[in-house]
Protein backbone atom coordinates (compact mmCIF):
# COMPACT_ATOMS: atom_id res chain seq x y z
CA MET A 1 30.56 55.70 -82.00
CA LEU A 2 31.96 53.75 -78.99
CA GLN A 3 35.42 54.39 -78.20
CA ARG A 4 37.72 51.22 -78.89
CA ARG A 5 41.20 53.26 -77.97
CA PRO A 6 41.65 51.28 -74.74
CA LEU A 7 41.34 47.86 -76.46
CA LEU A 8 43.83 49.17 -79.33
CA ILE A 9 46.44 50.29 -76.59
CA VAL A 10 46.29 46.81 -74.98
CA LEU A 11 46.56 44.97 -78.13
CA VAL A 12 49.59 46.98 -79.10
CA LEU A 13 51.31 46.49 -75.66
CA MET A 14 50.56 42.78 -75.96
CA LEU A 15 52.23 42.69 -79.32
CA ILE A 16 55.27 44.75 -78.02
CA LEU A 17 55.76 42.21 -75.11
CA PHE A 18 55.27 39.22 -77.38
CA VAL A 19 57.87 40.43 -79.81
CA SER A 20 60.23 41.44 -76.96
CA GLY A 21 59.80 37.91 -75.26
CA LEU A 22 60.72 36.18 -78.52
CA ALA A 23 63.69 38.42 -79.39
CA THR A 24 65.35 38.41 -75.83
CA GLY A 25 64.00 35.37 -74.16
CA PHE A 26 62.80 37.35 -71.10
CA ASP A 27 60.17 35.14 -69.63
CA LEU A 28 58.71 38.24 -67.62
CA ALA A 29 57.60 39.79 -70.86
CA VAL A 30 55.75 36.52 -72.09
CA ARG A 31 54.13 36.28 -68.70
CA LEU A 32 52.94 39.77 -68.85
CA ASN A 33 51.58 38.99 -72.27
CA TYR A 34 49.68 36.25 -70.78
CA VAL A 35 48.37 38.31 -68.14
CA LEU A 36 47.19 40.93 -70.48
CA GLY A 37 45.44 38.32 -72.65
CA LEU A 38 43.64 36.98 -69.64
CA VAL A 39 42.62 40.43 -68.68
CA VAL A 40 41.22 41.10 -72.05
CA VAL A 41 39.03 37.93 -72.06
CA ILE A 42 37.81 38.37 -68.59
CA ALA A 43 37.01 42.20 -69.48
CA TYR A 44 35.03 40.85 -72.61
CA ILE A 45 32.98 38.36 -70.69
CA TRP A 46 32.34 40.99 -68.01
CA ALA A 47 31.15 43.51 -70.50
CA LYS A 48 29.06 41.24 -72.41
CA TRP A 49 27.60 39.26 -69.62
CA GLY A 50 26.79 42.32 -67.39
CA THR A 51 25.04 44.40 -70.17
CA GLY A 52 22.98 41.69 -71.30
CA ARG A 53 21.55 41.49 -67.77
CA LEU A 54 20.46 45.03 -67.74
CA THR A 55 16.98 46.11 -68.12
CA ALA A 56 15.34 49.72 -67.85
CA ARG A 57 11.96 51.44 -67.91
CA ILE A 58 11.15 55.03 -68.41
CA GLU A 59 8.28 57.11 -67.43
CA ARG A 60 7.99 60.15 -69.97
CA PRO A 61 5.39 62.89 -69.81
CA GLN A 62 2.08 62.08 -71.36
CA GLY A 63 0.84 64.49 -73.98
CA ASP A 64 2.56 67.68 -75.45
CA LEU A 65 4.24 70.54 -73.45
CA SER A 66 4.68 74.17 -73.80
CA VAL A 67 7.69 76.53 -73.52
CA GLY A 68 8.34 77.20 -69.84
CA ASP A 69 7.09 73.83 -68.87
CA GLU A 70 9.44 71.26 -67.05
CA LEU A 71 10.09 68.11 -68.97
CA ARG A 72 10.46 65.21 -66.43
CA GLU A 73 11.48 61.78 -66.82
CA THR A 74 12.04 58.82 -64.23
CA ILE A 75 14.31 55.95 -65.45
CA THR A 76 14.28 52.63 -63.44
CA ILE A 77 17.27 50.50 -64.00
CA ARG A 78 17.54 46.79 -62.97
CA ASN A 79 20.62 44.76 -62.70
CA SER A 80 19.37 41.17 -62.77
CA GLY A 81 21.85 38.72 -61.98
CA GLY A 82 24.52 40.61 -63.63
CA LEU A 83 28.00 41.71 -62.47
CA PRO A 84 28.44 44.87 -60.30
CA ARG A 85 28.73 48.05 -62.32
CA ALA A 86 31.05 50.94 -61.13
CA TRP A 87 29.31 53.33 -63.54
CA LEU A 88 26.50 53.28 -65.98
CA GLU A 89 25.46 56.31 -68.17
CA VAL A 90 21.83 56.39 -68.90
CA GLU A 91 20.43 58.95 -71.55
CA ASP A 92 17.10 59.43 -73.04
CA VAL A 93 18.39 60.86 -76.36
CA THR A 94 16.51 63.75 -77.60
CA ASP A 95 16.99 66.32 -80.47
CA ILE A 96 15.60 69.25 -78.37
CA PRO A 97 18.47 71.92 -78.72
CA GLY A 98 20.59 72.41 -75.49
CA VAL A 99 18.79 69.56 -73.57
CA SER A 100 20.42 66.52 -72.09
CA LEU A 101 18.48 63.82 -70.30
CA GLY A 102 21.39 61.63 -69.15
CA ARG A 103 22.81 60.84 -65.80
CA VAL A 104 25.74 58.48 -64.53
CA VAL A 105 24.97 56.38 -61.86
CA SER A 106 26.68 53.14 -60.16
CA MET A 107 25.34 49.78 -59.27
CA PRO A 108 27.67 47.85 -57.01
CA GLY A 109 25.15 44.88 -56.02
CA ILE A 110 24.59 41.87 -58.10
CA VAL A 111 20.86 42.49 -58.14
CA THR A 112 20.15 46.05 -57.87
CA PHE A 113 17.39 48.53 -58.75
CA ARG A 114 18.29 52.19 -59.34
CA ARG A 115 15.91 55.05 -59.98
CA VAL A 116 17.13 58.12 -61.90
CA ASP A 117 15.18 61.27 -62.24
CA ALA A 118 15.96 63.81 -65.09
CA SER A 119 14.15 67.29 -65.66
CA VAL A 120 14.86 70.22 -67.89
CA ARG A 121 12.99 73.45 -68.54
CA LEU A 122 11.88 73.85 -72.17
CA THR A 123 12.82 77.09 -73.79
CA LYS A 124 12.08 76.57 -77.50
CA ARG A 125 9.02 75.54 -79.39
CA GLY A 126 9.03 72.81 -82.12
CA ASP A 127 8.47 69.18 -83.08
CA TYR A 128 11.02 66.96 -81.25
CA THR A 129 11.61 63.37 -80.28
CA LEU A 130 12.17 61.78 -76.96
CA GLY A 131 14.05 58.56 -77.24
CA PRO A 132 15.51 55.89 -77.56
CA LEU A 133 16.66 55.10 -73.97
CA VAL A 134 20.47 54.12 -74.08
CA ILE A 135 22.45 52.71 -71.55
CA ARG A 136 26.10 52.85 -71.75
CA SER A 137 28.75 50.90 -69.70
CA ALA A 138 31.99 49.05 -69.80
CA ASP A 139 34.09 46.48 -67.91
CA PRO A 140 36.28 47.59 -64.93
CA PHE A 141 39.17 48.28 -67.24
CA GLY A 142 37.22 50.22 -69.79
CA ILE A 143 38.38 47.98 -72.61
CA PHE A 144 34.97 47.08 -74.01
CA PRO A 145 32.55 49.80 -73.87
CA GLN A 146 28.98 48.65 -74.51
CA GLU A 147 25.72 50.51 -75.47
CA LYS A 148 22.39 49.04 -75.18
CA ARG A 149 18.94 50.52 -76.43
CA LEU A 150 16.10 49.63 -74.30
CA ALA A 151 13.08 51.91 -75.07
CA GLY A 152 11.72 53.32 -78.12
CA ALA A 153 11.15 56.92 -79.22
CA ARG A 154 8.09 59.07 -79.13
CA PRO A 155 7.23 62.36 -80.62
CA LEU A 156 7.07 65.64 -78.50
CA LYS A 157 5.39 68.79 -79.60
CA VAL A 158 6.36 71.79 -77.72
CA TYR A 159 3.89 74.73 -78.12
CA PRO A 160 4.82 78.58 -77.67
CA GLN A 161 4.25 79.78 -74.16
CA ILE A 162 0.95 81.65 -73.26
CA LEU A 163 1.43 84.87 -71.63
CA ASP A 164 -1.18 86.92 -69.74
CA ILE A 165 -1.35 90.03 -72.01
CA PRO A 166 -3.46 92.86 -71.97
CA ASP A 167 -6.29 93.64 -74.50
CA TYR A 168 -4.07 95.50 -76.86
CA VAL A 169 -5.79 94.52 -80.21
CA THR A 170 -9.42 95.04 -79.79
CA PRO A 171 -10.69 96.73 -76.92
CA SER A 172 -14.04 95.17 -75.50
CA ALA A 173 -15.91 98.66 -76.34
CA GLU A 174 -15.43 98.03 -79.94
CA LEU A 175 -16.49 94.42 -80.34
CA SER A 176 -19.90 95.30 -81.40
CA GLY A 177 -21.66 98.32 -82.94
CA GLU A 178 -23.10 99.44 -86.36
CA HIS A 179 -20.15 98.24 -88.24
CA ALA A 180 -20.20 94.80 -86.89
CA ARG A 181 -21.25 92.34 -89.54
CA ARG A 182 -22.49 88.81 -89.81
CA ARG A 183 -20.46 85.92 -91.05
CA ARG A 184 -21.16 82.34 -91.65
CA SER A 185 -19.41 79.73 -89.80
CA LEU A 186 -19.51 76.02 -88.74
CA THR A 187 -19.07 77.11 -85.15
CA LEU A 188 -22.15 76.25 -83.12
CA SER A 189 -24.74 79.08 -82.51
CA PRO A 190 -28.48 79.36 -82.03
CA GLU A 191 -29.30 80.22 -85.73
CA VAL A 192 -28.66 78.28 -88.60
CA SER A 193 -27.95 80.72 -91.91
CA SER A 194 -27.42 78.34 -94.71
CA VAL A 195 -26.38 75.16 -95.79
CA ARG A 196 -23.53 73.62 -98.24
CA GLU A 197 -22.43 70.42 -99.51
CA TYR A 198 -20.73 67.93 -97.10
CA GLN A 199 -17.10 67.91 -97.14
CA PRO A 200 -14.73 65.11 -95.62
CA GLY A 201 -14.03 66.01 -92.05
CA ASP A 202 -17.52 67.58 -91.34
CA ALA A 203 -19.15 66.21 -88.20
CA ILE A 204 -22.26 64.07 -88.62
CA SER A 205 -24.07 66.39 -86.11
CA ARG A 206 -23.82 69.20 -88.81
CA ILE A 207 -25.70 67.42 -91.39
CA HIS A 208 -29.00 69.24 -92.42
CA TRP A 209 -31.33 66.14 -93.14
CA PRO A 210 -34.21 68.06 -94.85
CA SER A 211 -31.80 69.57 -97.30
CA THR A 212 -30.22 66.14 -97.77
CA ALA A 213 -33.46 64.65 -98.42
CA ARG A 214 -34.33 67.34 -100.91
CA THR A 215 -31.10 67.42 -102.90
CA SER A 216 -30.31 63.76 -102.67
CA GLN A 217 -26.84 64.71 -101.45
CA LEU A 218 -25.20 65.25 -97.82
CA MET A 219 -25.67 68.89 -96.90
CA VAL A 220 -24.31 70.57 -93.60
CA LYS A 221 -25.54 73.52 -91.58
CA LEU A 222 -23.62 76.89 -91.54
CA PHE A 223 -24.44 78.76 -88.44
CA ASP A 224 -24.61 82.74 -88.10
CA ARG A 225 -21.78 83.65 -86.11
CA GLY A 226 -23.69 87.01 -85.13
CA ARG A 227 -22.80 90.55 -84.85
CA ALA A 228 -19.11 90.72 -83.40
CA GLY A 229 -15.66 91.73 -83.98
CA GLU A 230 -12.87 89.58 -85.20
CA VAL A 231 -9.16 89.49 -84.99
CA TRP A 232 -6.53 88.73 -87.68
CA ILE A 233 -3.25 87.78 -86.72
CA VAL A 234 -0.47 88.17 -89.32
CA PHE A 235 2.85 86.60 -88.08
CA ASP A 236 5.85 87.36 -90.42
CA GLN A 237 8.18 84.41 -90.74
CA HIS A 238 10.23 85.62 -93.79
CA HIS A 239 13.67 84.03 -93.61
CA ARG A 240 15.23 87.34 -94.56
CA TYR A 241 14.01 89.26 -91.49
CA GLN A 242 14.97 87.08 -88.51
CA ALA A 243 17.39 87.88 -85.93
CA GLY A 244 18.94 86.15 -82.80
CA GLU A 245 19.12 82.36 -81.84
CA GLY A 246 17.06 79.96 -80.16
CA ALA A 247 14.73 81.24 -77.36
CA GLU A 248 16.38 84.66 -77.81
CA SER A 249 15.20 85.25 -81.29
CA THR A 250 12.56 87.41 -83.09
CA ASP A 251 10.87 84.36 -84.18
CA GLU A 252 10.49 82.86 -80.72
CA TYR A 253 9.32 86.29 -79.33
CA GLY A 254 6.98 86.73 -82.33
CA ALA A 255 5.37 83.07 -81.64
CA THR A 256 4.97 83.78 -78.08
CA ILE A 257 3.00 87.03 -78.95
CA ALA A 258 0.96 85.38 -81.59
CA ALA A 259 0.12 82.51 -79.27
CA SER A 260 -0.87 84.67 -76.34
CA THR A 261 -2.94 86.90 -78.62
CA ALA A 262 -4.89 84.12 -80.34
CA HIS A 263 -5.53 82.36 -76.72
CA ARG A 264 -6.60 85.57 -75.23
CA TYR A 265 -9.41 86.36 -77.82
CA LEU A 266 -10.29 82.76 -78.61
CA SER A 267 -10.85 82.26 -74.75
CA ILE A 268 -13.68 84.97 -74.84
CA GLN A 269 -15.19 83.65 -77.79
CA ILE A 270 -13.87 86.37 -80.42
CA PRO A 271 -13.38 84.90 -83.93
CA VAL A 272 -9.58 84.81 -84.70
CA GLY A 273 -7.96 84.42 -87.95
CA TYR A 274 -4.37 83.50 -88.76
CA VAL A 275 -1.79 84.10 -91.48
CA ALA A 276 1.82 82.98 -91.48
CA HIS A 277 4.16 81.85 -94.30
CA GLY A 278 7.23 79.99 -92.77
CA GLY A 279 8.26 76.46 -93.26
CA ARG A 280 4.64 75.83 -93.34
CA SER A 281 2.01 78.20 -94.68
CA LEU A 282 -1.44 78.67 -93.09
CA VAL A 283 -4.30 80.99 -93.86
CA MET A 284 -7.30 80.61 -91.57
CA VAL A 285 -10.50 82.81 -91.69
CA PRO A 286 -11.74 83.90 -88.34
CA GLU A 287 -13.47 81.16 -86.14
CA ARG A 288 -14.13 80.50 -82.62
CA GLY A 289 -13.47 77.20 -80.74
CA ALA A 290 -11.03 74.74 -79.68
CA THR A 291 -10.52 73.49 -83.31
CA GLN A 292 -9.30 76.89 -84.45
CA HIS A 293 -7.10 77.39 -81.35
CA GLN A 294 -5.55 73.91 -82.07
CA ALA A 295 -4.89 74.50 -85.66
CA ILE A 296 -3.12 77.90 -84.85
CA PHE A 297 -1.04 76.45 -82.05
CA ASP A 298 -0.01 73.52 -84.19
CA HIS A 299 1.26 75.78 -86.76
CA LEU A 300 3.17 78.08 -84.39
CA ALA A 301 4.76 74.90 -82.90
CA SER A 302 5.83 73.47 -86.03
CA SER A 303 6.61 76.27 -88.66
CA LYS A 304 10.24 77.50 -88.85
CA PRO A 305 11.19 81.03 -89.95
CA THR A 306 12.19 80.04 -93.33
CA GLY A 307 9.38 81.48 -95.49
CA SER A 308 9.83 83.50 -98.70
CA ARG A 309 6.48 85.16 -98.71
CA GLU A 310 6.88 88.96 -98.19
CA LEU A 311 4.64 90.64 -95.41
CA PHE A 312 3.00 92.59 -98.18
CA ASP A 313 1.72 89.64 -99.81
CA SER A 314 0.41 88.06 -96.55
CA LEU A 315 -1.62 91.26 -96.00
CA ALA A 316 -2.93 90.96 -99.33
CA ASP A 317 -4.16 87.42 -98.56
CA VAL A 318 -6.64 88.84 -96.02
CA GLU A 319 -7.52 92.18 -97.31
CA ARG A 320 -10.75 91.09 -99.15
CA GLU A 321 -11.74 89.33 -95.92
CA LEU A 322 -11.58 92.57 -93.82
CA GLY A 323 -14.44 94.81 -92.77
CA ARG A 324 -14.71 97.77 -90.33
CA SER A 325 -15.56 95.24 -87.66
CA SER A 326 -11.98 93.50 -88.02
CA SER A 327 -8.98 94.29 -86.14
CA VAL A 328 -5.60 93.15 -87.50
CA VAL A 329 -2.45 92.79 -85.54
CA VAL A 330 0.90 92.23 -87.54
CA ILE A 331 3.89 90.75 -85.75
CA THR A 332 7.18 91.45 -87.74
CA ALA A 333 10.84 92.39 -87.51
CA SER A 334 10.80 93.68 -91.24
CA PRO A 335 12.17 97.00 -92.07
CA ASP A 336 10.45 99.84 -93.96
CA GLY A 337 8.62 98.65 -97.20
CA ASP A 338 5.35 98.14 -99.17
CA TRP A 339 3.64 96.38 -96.07
CA VAL A 340 3.70 99.59 -94.20
CA ASP A 341 1.76 101.25 -97.02
CA ALA A 342 -0.56 98.42 -97.09
CA LEU A 343 -1.00 98.57 -93.36
CA ILE A 344 -1.87 102.27 -93.49
CA ASN A 345 -4.22 101.85 -96.35
CA LEU A 346 -6.26 99.41 -94.20
CA GLN A 347 -6.13 101.83 -91.33
CA GLN A 348 -7.67 104.49 -93.56
CA ARG A 349 -10.46 102.00 -94.68
CA GLY A 350 -11.50 102.13 -90.83
CA ILE A 351 -9.86 98.71 -90.00
CA ARG A 352 -8.20 98.94 -86.59
CA THR A 353 -4.60 97.81 -86.89
CA SER A 354 -1.94 97.20 -84.32
CA THR A 355 1.67 96.43 -85.25
CA VAL A 356 4.17 94.57 -82.96
CA LEU A 357 7.62 95.60 -84.05
CA LEU A 358 10.28 93.08 -83.01
CA ASP A 359 13.40 95.38 -82.72
CA PRO A 360 16.02 93.40 -84.77
CA ALA A 361 18.93 95.44 -83.49
CA SER A 362 18.23 94.35 -80.02
CA PHE A 363 18.61 90.77 -81.09
CA GLY A 364 21.88 91.51 -83.02
CA ALA A 365 20.78 92.25 -86.47
CA ALA A 366 22.31 95.00 -88.85
CA TRP A 367 18.96 96.36 -90.13
CA SER A 368 16.61 98.66 -88.49
CA ILE A 369 12.68 99.06 -88.04
CA ASP A 370 13.03 102.78 -87.26
CA GLY A 371 11.82 103.71 -90.62
CA ALA A 372 8.58 101.53 -90.51
CA ARG A 373 8.17 102.76 -86.95
CA LYS A 374 8.12 106.45 -87.60
CA ARG A 375 5.96 106.01 -90.69
CA LEU A 376 3.32 104.03 -88.69
CA LEU A 377 3.45 106.60 -85.84
CA ALA A 378 3.02 109.46 -88.33
CA SER A 379 -0.15 107.82 -89.56
CA GLU A 380 -1.41 107.57 -85.96
CA ALA A 381 -1.31 103.85 -86.26
CA ARG A 382 -1.04 101.79 -83.06
CA VAL A 383 2.58 100.45 -82.56
CA PHE A 384 4.16 98.31 -79.98
CA THR A 385 8.00 97.76 -80.01
CA VAL A 386 9.23 94.71 -78.21
CA ARG A 387 13.13 94.49 -77.67
CA ARG A 388 15.03 91.63 -76.53
CA GLY A 389 14.72 90.87 -72.86
CA ALA A 390 11.44 92.92 -72.67
CA PHE A 391 8.64 91.90 -70.55
CA ILE A 392 5.97 91.23 -73.16
CA PRO A 393 2.94 91.97 -71.35
CA ALA A 394 4.27 95.33 -70.28
CA ALA A 395 5.59 96.09 -73.84
CA LEU A 396 1.89 95.51 -75.08
CA SER A 397 0.27 97.49 -72.29
CA GLU A 398 0.20 100.77 -74.26
CA PRO A 399 0.95 101.85 -77.80
CA GLU A 400 3.68 104.37 -78.63
CA ILE A 401 2.51 108.05 -79.15
CA ILE A 402 3.57 110.78 -81.44
CA GLY A 403 5.46 113.31 -79.95
CA PRO A 404 9.06 114.45 -78.94
CA GLN A 405 9.86 110.94 -78.05
CA THR A 406 8.99 109.55 -81.56
CA SER A 407 12.53 109.52 -82.93
CA LYS A 408 13.77 107.55 -79.87
CA GLY A 409 10.60 105.65 -78.84
CA ARG A 410 9.23 104.81 -75.49
CA ARG A 411 11.75 103.50 -73.01
CA PRO A 412 11.62 99.79 -73.37
CA HIS A 413 10.12 97.70 -70.55
CA GLN A 414 12.87 95.57 -69.01
CA GLY A 415 12.63 92.09 -67.50
CA ILE A 416 12.48 88.52 -68.56
CA TYR A 417 9.69 87.94 -71.20
CA ARG A 418 8.97 84.53 -69.86
């Protein structure tokens, strides 16, 4: 809301001078009252006329961005035949936390162009809005502040940052072998394994015309994905087990790890599945390709850590899909519980598991992951502990080991994770 306090002060002062002049017959008070009235009229005309002649154009980034990217905007202001402006505040209003895309400029000339550059580095993923573009100004006396909205709003999706992490989930030596199994997929491969009924969203190129003619209904091809391993990412977004705030939170670190893991293995054509139950729930069976990559990243960008589904139940979602060619990575800050037993059981079935424990104590939480960590290590599970401020690729470079250090853990890697 625009401040009207200067106008109120002037009106009160005019009233005092008017009453004083009538009561005392003091001509100076009456004359000062006339002067103030004239100032108010001039200020009003100045504010309205000048603001009405202001136009602006903004150049916003095209497409979406990722954490770590720099958001840059250029605002061009034109004072077309208006009055000189001692100050103008221009702001592209946004709901990005901690971000202000505003500047204060002056336009002393009657016809003036002014270019304003604004930039900020993005630190938190999410769905945001850029705009509208707002110009705030006032008359020289500050009596009539004005606000003008010139450009509309546009959505901006900020994806998690992708880090160059090591191959910590499924070493390449274990991607094939006697335990690899064949899976059916819509992903293109040299061999068609079977067909199924057409579903909305299926590409026309996937239609199997001989089967369509034989059955009198649209049928699409399913391709054999071949003998290869697969990676399942289980990202815990339960609201009870979140610590920290903003960019320095277990959820933001976890999203960075999940995104980096998905990107790494999808980029080398390893099928990746994904399970997360936050503000939005998503369960995706392992697939390759850009569509899978986009779906996972869209969920990571949009889903908030407000879920109510326990990690144990999330593991149950995928248990029937897992075989001995599968690798499961769990990203969580949850304390010891049934989920540890479920993960140990998967490992005993010959499924490769990797657990990324986000140390909640380092993010200021009251609970501890030590119990879960010790039990996982005792079962010879692969455990990686990530603490606040850790350099994530280094923290994922090697698993913790059982030994004298088990009670204390490896010395955490220090550094800025972004």
